[in-house]
Amino acid sequence: MSPVERRSSLLAALFVAPGYILTVRKLRDQLEAAHGIALTTDQVRGDLLWLNSLGMVQAGPQDTAMITEAGQDVVIGRSTLPGQS
């Protein structure tokens, strides 16, 4: 799986989460259960940092992440991630 596909899956998981927010551990578990992507929490944090640098997610309290409007635009197809065709 490419980094772009993995990060798109992260955004999709946040998009369907209640309040658009999940803890890193729940996000990791959701990726594995729903998308078949097995990652460590450190890998999830690394991808979230990258997405944060693009303004697509925000870090929250207690190791949480929330999707932003820019991230939502990627999920619904209004825009794309760098490297995404």
Protein backbone atom coordinates (compact mmCIF):
# COMPACT_ATOMS: atom_id res chain seq x y z
CA MET A 1 0.00 0.00 0.00
CA SER A 2 1.35 3.40 -0.95
CA PRO A 3 1.65 6.28 1.54
CA VAL A 4 -1.01 8.17 -0.43
CA GLU A 5 -3.49 5.28 -0.13
CA ARG A 6 -2.72 4.87 3.56
CA ARG A 7 -3.17 8.58 4.28
CA SER A 8 -6.38 8.67 2.26
CA SER A 9 -7.67 5.82 4.42
CA LEU A 10 -6.74 7.78 7.56
CA LEU A 11 -8.77 10.72 6.31
CA ALA A 12 -11.70 8.46 5.40
CA ALA A 13 -11.70 6.90 8.88
CA LEU A 14 -11.76 10.35 10.49
CA PHE A 15 -14.48 11.51 8.12
CA VAL A 16 -16.92 8.83 9.32
CA ALA A 17 -15.94 9.07 13.01
CA PRO A 18 -18.37 10.71 15.45
CA GLY A 19 -17.46 14.40 15.59
CA TYR A 20 -14.74 13.75 12.97
CA ILE A 21 -12.31 12.88 15.79
CA LEU A 22 -10.53 9.71 16.98
CA THR A 23 -7.66 8.84 19.27
CA VAL A 24 -4.55 7.55 17.54
CA ARG A 25 -5.14 4.06 18.95
CA LYS A 26 -8.77 3.96 17.80
CA LEU A 27 -7.72 5.28 14.42
CA ARG A 28 -5.09 2.51 14.15
CA ASP A 29 -7.70 -0.09 15.11
CA GLN A 30 -10.23 1.32 12.64
CA LEU A 31 -7.71 1.23 9.81
CA GLU A 32 -6.98 -2.41 10.49
CA ALA A 33 -10.62 -3.47 10.93
CA ALA A 34 -12.20 -1.51 8.07
CA HIS A 35 -9.36 -1.08 5.59
CA GLY A 36 -7.05 -4.04 6.34
CA ILE A 37 -4.14 -1.71 7.02
CA ALA A 38 -1.90 -2.80 9.91
CA LEU A 39 0.16 0.08 11.31
CA THR A 40 1.87 0.93 14.56
CA THR A 41 0.66 3.95 16.51
CA ASP A 42 3.97 5.65 15.66
CA GLN A 43 3.28 5.15 11.94
CA VAL A 44 -0.21 6.60 12.38
CA ARG A 45 1.25 9.59 14.24
CA GLY A 46 3.78 10.12 11.45
CA ASP A 47 1.08 10.15 8.79
CA LEU A 48 -1.05 12.47 10.92
CA LEU A 49 1.90 14.88 11.27
CA TRP A 50 2.27 14.90 7.48
CA LEU A 51 -1.46 15.49 7.00
CA ASN A 52 -1.33 18.21 9.67
CA SER A 53 1.45 19.98 7.76
CA LEU A 54 -0.99 20.21 4.82
CA GLY A 55 -3.83 21.46 7.02
CA MET A 56 -5.92 18.31 6.55
CA VAL A 57 -6.00 17.22 10.20
CA GLN A 58 -5.56 18.93 13.54
CA ALA A 59 -3.97 17.42 16.61
CA GLY A 60 -6.21 17.49 19.66
CA PRO A 61 -5.91 16.78 23.35
CA GLN A 62 -5.17 13.31 24.68
CA ASP A 63 -3.56 11.98 21.47
CA THR A 64 -6.53 12.70 19.21
CA ALA A 65 -6.80 13.85 15.62
CA MET A 66 -9.64 15.64 13.87
CA ILE A 67 -10.19 16.03 10.15
CA THR A 68 -10.38 19.60 8.86
CA GLU A 69 -12.42 21.00 6.00
CA ALA A 70 -9.42 20.55 3.69
CA GLY A 71 -9.22 16.88 4.69
CA GLN A 72 -12.94 16.45 4.14
CA ASP A 73 -12.50 17.90 0.65
CA VAL A 74 -10.02 15.11 -0.14
CA VAL A 75 -12.38 12.41 1.12
CA ILE A 76 -15.32 13.62 -0.98
CA GLY A 77 -13.16 14.22 -4.07
CA ARG A 78 -13.04 18.02 -4.23
CA SER A 79 -9.24 17.95 -3.95
CA THR A 80 -6.41 15.43 -3.84
CA LEU A 81 -3.41 14.60 -1.72
CA PRO A 82 0.04 15.35 -3.16
CA GLY A 83 0.99 12.34 -5.25
CA GLN A 84 -2.61 11.28 -5.77
CA SER A 85 -3.79 11.09 -9.37
